Amino acid sequence: PIDLDVALADLQIGAYAEDAVPELIVSY
């Protein structure tokens, strides 16, 4: 089990966390 604060700490108000990078997954 984890603390809610730990989960919320991973979430940033805004578009992205500073060190987070969006990805594209391409399929065929």
PDB file of all heavy atoms in Angstrom:
ATOM      1  N   PRO A   1       0.832  -1.213   0.000  1.00  0.00           N
ATOM      2  CA  PRO A   1       0.000   0.000   0.000  1.00  0.00           C
ATOM      3  C   PRO A   1       0.861   1.254   0.000  1.00  0.00           C
ATOM      4  O   PRO A   1       1.990   1.240   0.467  1.00  0.00           O
ATOM      5  CB  PRO A   1      -0.786  -0.127   1.301  1.00  0.00           C
ATOM      6  CG  PRO A   1       0.126  -0.876   2.208  1.00  0.00           C
ATOM      7  CD  PRO A   1       0.882  -1.852   1.339  1.00  0.00           C
ATOM      8  N   ILE A   2       0.303   2.341  -0.541  1.00  0.00           N
ATOM      9  CA  ILE A   2       1.052   3.594  -0.619  1.00  0.00           C
ATOM     10  C   ILE A   2       0.221   4.722  -0.025  1.00  0.00           C
ATOM     11  O   ILE A   2      -0.988   4.591   0.187  1.00  0.00           O
ATOM     12  CB  ILE A   2       1.430   3.935  -2.073  1.00  0.00           C
ATOM     13  CG1 ILE A   2       0.161   4.158  -2.926  1.00  0.00           C
ATOM     14  CG2 ILE A   2       2.291   2.857  -2.683  1.00  0.00           C
ATOM     15  CD1 ILE A   2       0.450   4.609  -4.330  1.00  0.00           C
ATOM     16  N   ASP A   3       0.874   5.843   0.244  1.00  0.00           N
ATOM     17  CA  ASP A   3       0.179   7.040   0.711  1.00  0.00           C
ATOM     18  C   ASP A   3      -0.345   7.813  -0.490  1.00  0.00           C
ATOM     19  O   ASP A   3       0.313   7.885  -1.535  1.00  0.00           O
ATOM     20  CB  ASP A   3       1.129   7.939   1.508  1.00  0.00           C
ATOM     21  CG  ASP A   3       1.543   7.305   2.827  1.00  0.00           C
ATOM     22  OD1 ASP A   3       0.681   6.656   3.448  1.00  0.00           O
ATOM     23  OD2 ASP A   3       2.714   7.453   3.208  1.00  0.00           O
ATOM     24  N   LEU A   4      -1.526   8.396  -0.333  1.00  0.00           N
ATOM     25  CA  LEU A   4      -2.072   9.212  -1.411  1.00  0.00           C
ATOM     26  C   LEU A   4      -1.120  10.339  -1.768  1.00  0.00           C
ATOM     27  O   LEU A   4      -0.965  10.696  -2.936  1.00  0.00           O
ATOM     28  CB  LEU A   4      -3.435   9.780  -1.006  1.00  0.00           C
ATOM     29  CG  LEU A   4      -4.095  10.706  -2.042  1.00  0.00           C
ATOM     30  CD1 LEU A   4      -4.388   9.953  -3.331  1.00  0.00           C
ATOM     31  CD2 LEU A   4      -5.367  11.321  -1.474  1.00  0.00           C
ATOM     32  N   ASP A   5      -0.455  10.909  -0.772  1.00  0.00           N
ATOM     33  CA  ASP A   5       0.476  12.009  -1.036  1.00  0.00           C
ATOM     34  C   ASP A   5       1.586  11.587  -1.993  1.00  0.00           C
ATOM     35  O   ASP A   5       2.071  12.389  -2.796  1.00  0.00           O
ATOM     36  CB  ASP A   5       1.088  12.507   0.275  1.00  0.00           C
ATOM     37  CG  ASP A   5       0.077  13.260   1.122  1.00  0.00           C
ATOM     38  OD1 ASP A   5      -0.972  13.642   0.574  1.00  0.00           O
ATOM     39  OD2 ASP A   5       0.340  13.448   2.324  1.00  0.00           O
ATOM     40  N   VAL A   6       2.001  10.315  -1.896  1.00  0.00           N
ATOM     41  CA  VAL A   6       3.047   9.819  -2.790  1.00  0.00           C
ATOM     42  C   VAL A   6       2.553   9.826  -4.229  1.00  0.00           C
ATOM     43  O   VAL A   6       3.262  10.236  -5.157  1.00  0.00           O
ATOM     44  CB  VAL A   6       3.480   8.398  -2.378  1.00  0.00           C
ATOM     45  CG1 VAL A   6       4.442   7.806  -3.406  1.00  0.00           C
ATOM     46  CG2 VAL A   6       4.124   8.422  -0.998  1.00  0.00           C
ATOM     47  N   ALA A   7       1.305   9.378  -4.434  1.00  0.00           N
ATOM     48  CA  ALA A   7       0.743   9.370  -5.783  1.00  0.00           C
ATOM     49  C   ALA A   7       0.539  10.781  -6.297  1.00  0.00           C
ATOM     50  O   ALA A   7       0.858  11.098  -7.448  1.00  0.00           O
ATOM     51  CB  ALA A   7      -0.581   8.610  -5.788  1.00  0.00           C
ATOM     52  N   LEU A   8       0.031  11.672  -5.441  1.00  0.00           N
ATOM     53  CA  LEU A   8      -0.227  13.041  -5.875  1.00  0.00           C
ATOM     54  C   LEU A   8       1.064  13.782  -6.176  1.00  0.00           C
ATOM     55  O   LEU A   8       1.081  14.709  -6.990  1.00  0.00           O
ATOM     56  CB  LEU A   8      -1.018  13.783  -4.799  1.00  0.00           C
ATOM     57  CG  LEU A   8      -2.436  13.274  -4.539  1.00  0.00           C
ATOM     58  CD1 LEU A   8      -3.084  14.066  -3.420  1.00  0.00           C
ATOM     59  CD2 LEU A   8      -3.279  13.338  -5.803  1.00  0.00           C
ATOM     60  N   ALA A   9       2.156  13.386  -5.512  1.00  0.00           N
ATOM     61  CA  ALA A   9       3.441  14.038  -5.763  1.00  0.00           C
ATOM     62  C   ALA A   9       3.916  13.815  -7.189  1.00  0.00           C
ATOM     63  O   ALA A   9       4.697  14.601  -7.726  1.00  0.00           O
ATOM     64  CB  ALA A   9       4.495  13.525  -4.786  1.00  0.00           C
ATOM     65  N   ASP A  10       3.445  12.725  -7.825  1.00  0.00           N
ATOM     66  CA  ASP A  10       3.826  12.447  -9.212  1.00  0.00           C
ATOM     67  C   ASP A  10       3.018  13.261 -10.211  1.00  0.00           C
ATOM     68  O   ASP A  10       3.300  13.244 -11.406  1.00  0.00           O
ATOM     69  CB  ASP A  10       3.627  10.959  -9.527  1.00  0.00           C
ATOM     70  CG  ASP A  10       4.703  10.097  -8.904  1.00  0.00           C
ATOM     71  OD1 ASP A  10       5.694  10.679  -8.421  1.00  0.00           O
ATOM     72  OD2 ASP A  10       4.540   8.870  -8.912  1.00  0.00           O
ATOM     73  N   LEU A  11       1.991  13.921  -9.731  1.00  0.00           N
ATOM     74  CA  LEU A  11       1.105  14.669 -10.613  1.00  0.00           C
ATOM     75  C   LEU A  11       1.404  16.144 -10.508  1.00  0.00           C
ATOM     76  O   LEU A  11       1.517  16.705  -9.431  1.00  0.00           O
ATOM     77  CB  LEU A  11      -0.359  14.414 -10.242  1.00  0.00           C
ATOM     78  CG  LEU A  11      -0.798  12.948 -10.355  1.00  0.00           C
ATOM     79  CD1 LEU A  11      -2.164  12.769  -9.752  1.00  0.00           C
ATOM     80  CD2 LEU A  11      -0.783  12.512 -11.798  1.00  0.00           C
ATOM     81  N   GLN A  12       1.513  16.809 -11.677  1.00  0.00           N
ATOM     82  CA  GLN A  12       1.829  18.232 -11.725  1.00  0.00           C
ATOM     83  C   GLN A  12       0.616  18.990 -12.235  1.00  0.00           C
ATOM     84  O   GLN A  12      -0.030  18.585 -13.189  1.00  0.00           O
ATOM     85  CB  GLN A  12       3.024  18.491 -12.655  1.00  0.00           C
ATOM     86  CG  GLN A  12       4.265  17.690 -12.301  1.00  0.00           C
ATOM     87  CD  GLN A  12       4.850  18.131 -10.978  1.00  0.00           C
ATOM     88  OE1 GLN A  12       4.913  19.318 -10.709  1.00  0.00           O
ATOM     89  NE2 GLN A  12       5.280  17.196 -10.165  1.00  0.00           N
ATOM     90  N   ILE A  13       0.305  20.119 -11.603  1.00  0.00           N
ATOM     91  CA  ILE A  13      -0.744  20.979 -12.132  1.00  0.00           C
ATOM     92  C   ILE A  13      -0.197  21.638 -13.389  1.00  0.00           C
ATOM     93  O   ILE A  13       0.733  22.427 -13.338  1.00  0.00           O
ATOM     94  CB  ILE A  13      -1.156  22.058 -11.123  1.00  0.00           C
ATOM     95  CG1 ILE A  13      -1.667  21.401  -9.841  1.00  0.00           C
ATOM     96  CG2 ILE A  13      -2.219  22.969 -11.714  1.00  0.00           C
ATOM     97  CD1 ILE A  13      -2.891  20.551 -10.031  1.00  0.00           C
ATOM     98  N   GLY A  14      -0.771  21.308 -14.531  1.00  0.00           N
ATOM     99  CA  GLY A  14      -0.235  21.789 -15.793  1.00  0.00           C
ATOM    100  C   GLY A  14      -0.088  20.636 -16.744  1.00  0.00           C
ATOM    101  O   GLY A  14      -0.588  19.548 -16.517  1.00  0.00           O
ATOM    102  N   ALA A  15       0.638  20.857 -17.812  1.00  0.00           N
ATOM    103  CA  ALA A  15       0.687  19.857 -18.871  1.00  0.00           C
ATOM    104  C   ALA A  15       1.630  18.719 -18.556  1.00  0.00           C
ATOM    105  O   ALA A  15       1.297  17.567 -18.717  1.00  0.00           O
ATOM    106  CB  ALA A  15       1.099  20.526 -20.181  1.00  0.00           C
ATOM    107  N   TYR A  16       2.863  18.989 -18.121  1.00  0.00           N
ATOM    108  CA  TYR A  16       3.848  17.948 -17.967  1.00  0.00           C
ATOM    109  C   TYR A  16       4.670  18.147 -16.702  1.00  0.00           C
ATOM    110  O   TYR A  16       4.919  19.269 -16.275  1.00  0.00           O
ATOM    111  CB  TYR A  16       4.833  17.927 -19.144  1.00  0.00           C
ATOM    112  CG  TYR A  16       4.162  17.851 -20.475  1.00  0.00           C
ATOM    113  CD1 TYR A  16       4.182  18.933 -21.340  1.00  0.00           C
ATOM    114  CD2 TYR A  16       3.492  16.695 -20.862  1.00  0.00           C
ATOM    115  CE1 TYR A  16       3.549  18.869 -22.559  1.00  0.00           C
ATOM    116  CE2 TYR A  16       2.860  16.637 -22.078  1.00  0.00           C
ATOM    117  CZ  TYR A  16       2.892  17.722 -22.925  1.00  0.00           C
ATOM    118  OH  TYR A  16       2.264  17.664 -24.119  1.00  0.00           O
ATOM    119  N   ALA A  17       5.111  17.042 -16.137  1.00  0.00           N
ATOM    120  CA  ALA A  17       6.135  17.137 -15.106  1.00  0.00           C
ATOM    121  C   ALA A  17       7.430  17.569 -15.788  1.00  0.00           C
ATOM    122  O   ALA A  17       7.641  17.325 -16.974  1.00  0.00           O
ATOM    123  CB  ALA A  17       6.321  15.788 -14.414  1.00  0.00           C
ATOM    124  N   GLU A  18       8.329  18.195 -15.023  1.00  0.00           N
ATOM    125  CA  GLU A  18       9.526  18.790 -15.630  1.00  0.00           C
ATOM    126  C   GLU A  18      10.369  17.762 -16.357  1.00  0.00           C
ATOM    127  O   GLU A  18      10.941  18.028 -17.408  1.00  0.00           O
ATOM    128  CB  GLU A  18      10.345  19.478 -14.537  1.00  0.00           C
ATOM    129  CG  GLU A  18      11.538  20.230 -15.059  1.00  0.00           C
ATOM    130  CD  GLU A  18      12.258  20.976 -13.963  1.00  0.00           C
ATOM    131  OE1 GLU A  18      11.662  21.128 -12.877  1.00  0.00           O
ATOM    132  OE2 GLU A  18      13.400  21.406 -14.180  1.00  0.00           O
ATOM    133  N   ASP A  19      10.480  16.558 -15.782  1.00  0.00           N
ATOM    134  CA  ASP A  19      11.349  15.560 -16.383  1.00  0.00           C
ATOM    135  C   ASP A  19      10.572  14.496 -17.155  1.00  0.00           C
ATOM    136  O   ASP A  19      11.116  13.473 -17.531  1.00  0.00           O
ATOM    137  CB  ASP A  19      12.205  14.884 -15.299  1.00  0.00           C
ATOM    138  CG  ASP A  19      11.343  14.199 -14.243  1.00  0.00           C
ATOM    139  OD1 ASP A  19      10.121  14.472 -14.210  1.00  0.00           O
ATOM    140  OD2 ASP A  19      11.880  13.406 -13.464  1.00  0.00           O
ATOM    141  N   ALA A  20       9.282  14.717 -17.372  1.00  0.00           N
ATOM    142  CA  ALA A  20       8.470  13.730 -18.079  1.00  0.00           C
ATOM    143  C   ALA A  20       8.413  14.068 -19.565  1.00  0.00           C
ATOM    144  O   ALA A  20       8.397  15.231 -19.950  1.00  0.00           O
ATOM    145  CB  ALA A  20       7.062  13.687 -17.503  1.00  0.00           C
ATOM    146  N   VAL A  21       8.389  13.041 -20.393  1.00  0.00           N
ATOM    147  CA  VAL A  21       8.397  13.235 -21.842  1.00  0.00           C
ATOM    148  C   VAL A  21       7.240  12.454 -22.459  1.00  0.00           C
ATOM    149  O   VAL A  21       7.121  11.247 -22.239  1.00  0.00           O
ATOM    150  CB  VAL A  21       9.731  12.745 -22.455  1.00  0.00           C
ATOM    151  CG1 VAL A  21       9.706  12.911 -23.969  1.00  0.00           C
ATOM    152  CG2 VAL A  21      10.897  13.503 -21.856  1.00  0.00           C
ATOM    153  N   PRO A  22       6.367  13.124 -23.223  1.00  0.00           N
ATOM    154  CA  PRO A  22       5.297  12.394 -23.910  1.00  0.00           C
ATOM    155  C   PRO A  22       5.876  11.487 -24.996  1.00  0.00           C
ATOM    156  O   PRO A  22       6.976  11.723 -25.505  1.00  0.00           O
ATOM    157  CB  PRO A  22       4.438  13.510 -24.506  1.00  0.00           C
ATOM    158  CG  PRO A  22       5.332  14.685 -24.610  1.00  0.00           C
ATOM    159  CD  PRO A  22       6.315  14.569 -23.483  1.00  0.00           C
ATOM    160  N   GLU A  23       5.122  10.451 -25.337  1.00  0.00           N
ATOM    161  CA  GLU A  23       5.561   9.479 -26.336  1.00  0.00           C
ATOM    162  C   GLU A  23       4.476   9.243 -27.364  1.00  0.00           C
ATOM    163  O   GLU A  23       3.278   9.419 -27.097  1.00  0.00           O
ATOM    164  CB  GLU A  23       5.905   8.141 -25.677  1.00  0.00           C
ATOM    165  CG  GLU A  23       7.165   8.139 -24.843  1.00  0.00           C
ATOM    166  CD  GLU A  23       7.496   6.736 -24.355  1.00  0.00           C
ATOM    167  OE1 GLU A  23       6.559   6.006 -23.973  1.00  0.00           O
ATOM    168  OE2 GLU A  23       8.672   6.363 -24.379  1.00  0.00           O
ATOM    169  N   LEU A  24       4.902   8.823 -28.545  1.00  0.00           N
ATOM    170  CA  LEU A  24       4.006   8.350 -29.588  1.00  0.00           C
ATOM    171  C   LEU A  24       4.274   6.869 -29.802  1.00  0.00           C
ATOM    172  O   LEU A  24       5.417   6.456 -29.955  1.00  0.00           O
ATOM    173  CB  LEU A  24       4.230   9.108 -30.900  1.00  0.00           C
ATOM    174  CG  LEU A  24       4.106  10.632 -30.874  1.00  0.00           C
ATOM    175  CD1 LEU A  24       4.355  11.195 -32.260  1.00  0.00           C
ATOM    176  CD2 LEU A  24       2.754  11.062 -30.333  1.00  0.00           C
ATOM    177  N   ILE A  25       3.198   6.071 -29.811  1.00  0.00           N
ATOM    178  CA  ILE A  25       3.328   4.644 -30.114  1.00  0.00           C
ATOM    179  C   ILE A  25       2.711   4.413 -31.489  1.00  0.00           C
ATOM    180  O   ILE A  25       1.512   4.590 -31.686  1.00  0.00           O
ATOM    181  CB  ILE A  25       2.623   3.779 -29.062  1.00  0.00           C
ATOM    182  CG1 ILE A  25       3.209   4.046 -27.671  1.00  0.00           C
ATOM    183  CG2 ILE A  25       2.763   2.297 -29.412  1.00  0.00           C
ATOM    184  CD1 ILE A  25       2.533   3.255 -26.579  1.00  0.00           C
ATOM    185  N   VAL A  26       3.528   4.049 -32.438  1.00  0.00           N
ATOM    186  CA  VAL A  26       3.100   3.883 -33.826  1.00  0.00           C
ATOM    187  C   VAL A  26       2.799   2.408 -34.087  1.00  0.00           C
ATOM    188  O   VAL A  26       3.561   1.531 -33.680  1.00  0.00           O
ATOM    189  CB  VAL A  26       4.192   4.369 -34.793  1.00  0.00           C
ATOM    190  CG1 VAL A  26       3.716   4.273 -36.234  1.00  0.00           C
ATOM    191  CG2 VAL A  26       4.595   5.797 -34.455  1.00  0.00           C
ATOM    192  N   SER A  27       1.684   2.142 -34.746  1.00  0.00           N
ATOM    193  CA  SER A  27       1.325   0.753 -35.032  1.00  0.00           C
ATOM    194  C   SER A  27       0.977   0.553 -36.496  1.00  0.00           C
ATOM    195  O   SER A  27       0.583   1.489 -37.202  1.00  0.00           O
ATOM    196  CB  SER A  27       0.141   0.313 -34.171  1.00  0.00           C
ATOM    197  OG  SER A  27      -1.040   0.953 -34.592  1.00  0.00           O
ATOM    198  N   TYR A  28       1.144  -0.669 -36.942  1.00  0.00           N
ATOM    199  CA  TYR A  28       0.799  -1.091 -38.294  1.00  0.00           C
ATOM    200  C   TYR A  28       0.133  -2.452 -38.193  1.00  0.00           C
ATOM    201  O   TYR A  28       0.676  -3.379 -37.623  1.00  0.00           O
ATOM    202  CB  TYR A  28       2.046  -1.170 -39.165  1.00  0.00           C
ATOM    203  CG  TYR A  28       1.828  -1.835 -40.500  1.00  0.00           C
ATOM    204  CD1 TYR A  28       0.756  -1.481 -41.305  1.00  0.00           C
ATOM    205  CD2 TYR A  28       2.682  -2.822 -40.964  1.00  0.00           C
ATOM    206  CE1 TYR A  28       0.541  -2.083 -42.521  1.00  0.00           C
ATOM    207  CE2 TYR A  28       2.483  -3.434 -42.182  1.00  0.00           C
ATOM    208  CZ  TYR A  28       1.407  -3.062 -42.963  1.00  0.00           C
ATOM    209  OH  TYR A  28       1.191  -3.669 -44.170  1.00  0.00           O
TER     210      TYR A  28
END
